[in-house]
Amino acid sequence: MATDPLHGITLERIITELQAFYGWDKLGEMLNVNCFKTNPSINSSLKFFRKTPWARVKIENLYLKHNKLK
C-alpha cells in the first residue's frame, strides 16, 4: 500500500515554507498564479488553492520536489 507523502502536512504549511524559501516573486515565476503576483499573502493564497484543484496539485508537487519527498 502506497503512503501519501503529504499526509499531515497542511496547505498553510506548504505555502508558508515555500514562500519563506523562494519569496513571492520567485513563486510567481514558478507557478503563474495571480495570488503570488498581485498583493500576495498567505490568506489569499490559501483561499485560491483551496478553491482551485489544478493549482493545488501544482503547489503540492512543487513542495514535494522542494523537499525531495517523491
Protein backbone atom coordinates (compact mmCIF):
# COMPACT_ATOMS: atom_id res chain seq x y z
CA MET A 1 0.00 0.00 0.00
CA ALA A 2 1.40 3.39 -1.03
CA THR A 3 1.61 6.11 1.58
CA ASP A 4 0.78 9.75 0.95
CA PRO A 5 3.95 11.84 1.40
CA LEU A 6 1.77 14.87 2.17
CA HIS A 7 -0.18 13.15 4.95
CA GLY A 8 -0.37 15.50 7.94
CA ILE A 9 1.07 18.49 6.05
CA THR A 10 -1.37 21.38 5.80
CA LEU A 11 -1.78 23.63 2.79
CA GLU A 12 -0.86 26.56 5.04
CA ARG A 13 2.44 24.88 5.93
CA ILE A 14 3.18 24.18 2.26
CA ILE A 15 2.60 27.80 1.23
CA THR A 16 4.40 29.23 4.25
CA GLU A 17 7.51 27.09 3.77
CA LEU A 18 7.71 27.70 0.03
CA GLN A 19 7.19 31.45 0.48
CA ALA A 20 9.88 31.63 3.17
CA PHE A 21 12.35 29.81 0.93
CA TYR A 22 11.57 31.27 -2.52
CA GLY A 23 9.71 34.52 -1.80
CA TRP A 24 6.57 35.73 -3.56
CA ASP A 25 8.32 36.88 -6.74
CA LYS A 26 10.04 33.54 -7.38
CA LEU A 27 6.87 31.61 -6.55
CA GLY A 28 5.02 33.79 -9.07
CA GLU A 29 7.58 32.81 -11.69
CA MET A 30 7.45 29.11 -10.80
CA LEU A 31 3.65 28.91 -10.63
CA ASN A 32 1.99 31.53 -12.79
CA VAL A 33 -0.92 32.35 -10.47
CA ASN A 34 -2.17 35.83 -9.52
CA CYS A 35 -2.29 35.12 -5.79
CA PHE A 36 1.54 35.13 -5.86
CA LYS A 37 1.81 38.18 -8.13
CA THR A 38 -0.85 40.67 -7.01
CA ASN A 39 -0.91 41.65 -3.34
CA PRO A 40 0.35 38.21 -2.23
CA SER A 41 -0.48 36.90 1.22
CA ILE A 42 -0.79 33.55 2.92
CA ASN A 43 -4.56 34.03 3.34
CA SER A 44 -5.25 34.94 -0.30
CA SER A 45 -3.11 32.01 -1.43
CA LEU A 46 -4.92 29.60 0.90
CA LYS A 47 -8.27 30.78 -0.45
CA PHE A 48 -7.15 30.35 -4.05
CA PHE A 49 -5.52 26.93 -3.67
CA ARG A 50 -8.47 25.55 -1.69
CA LYS A 51 -10.87 26.54 -4.48
CA THR A 52 -8.65 25.59 -7.45
CA PRO A 53 -7.81 21.87 -7.64
CA TRP A 54 -5.39 22.09 -10.60
CA ALA A 55 -3.37 24.79 -8.85
CA ARG A 56 -3.34 22.87 -5.57
CA VAL A 57 -1.81 19.88 -7.35
CA LYS A 58 0.89 22.16 -8.76
CA ILE A 59 1.85 23.67 -5.41
CA GLU A 60 1.81 20.26 -3.71
CA ASN A 61 4.11 18.89 -6.42
CA LEU A 62 6.42 21.88 -6.02
CA TYR A 63 6.53 21.25 -2.27
CA LEU A 64 7.34 17.58 -2.82
CA LYS A 65 10.09 18.47 -5.26
CA HIS A 66 11.42 21.14 -2.89
CA ASN A 67 11.59 18.66 -0.01
CA LYS A 68 12.60 15.69 -2.19
CA LEU A 69 9.79 13.58 -0.75
CA LYS A 70 8.89 11.97 -4.08
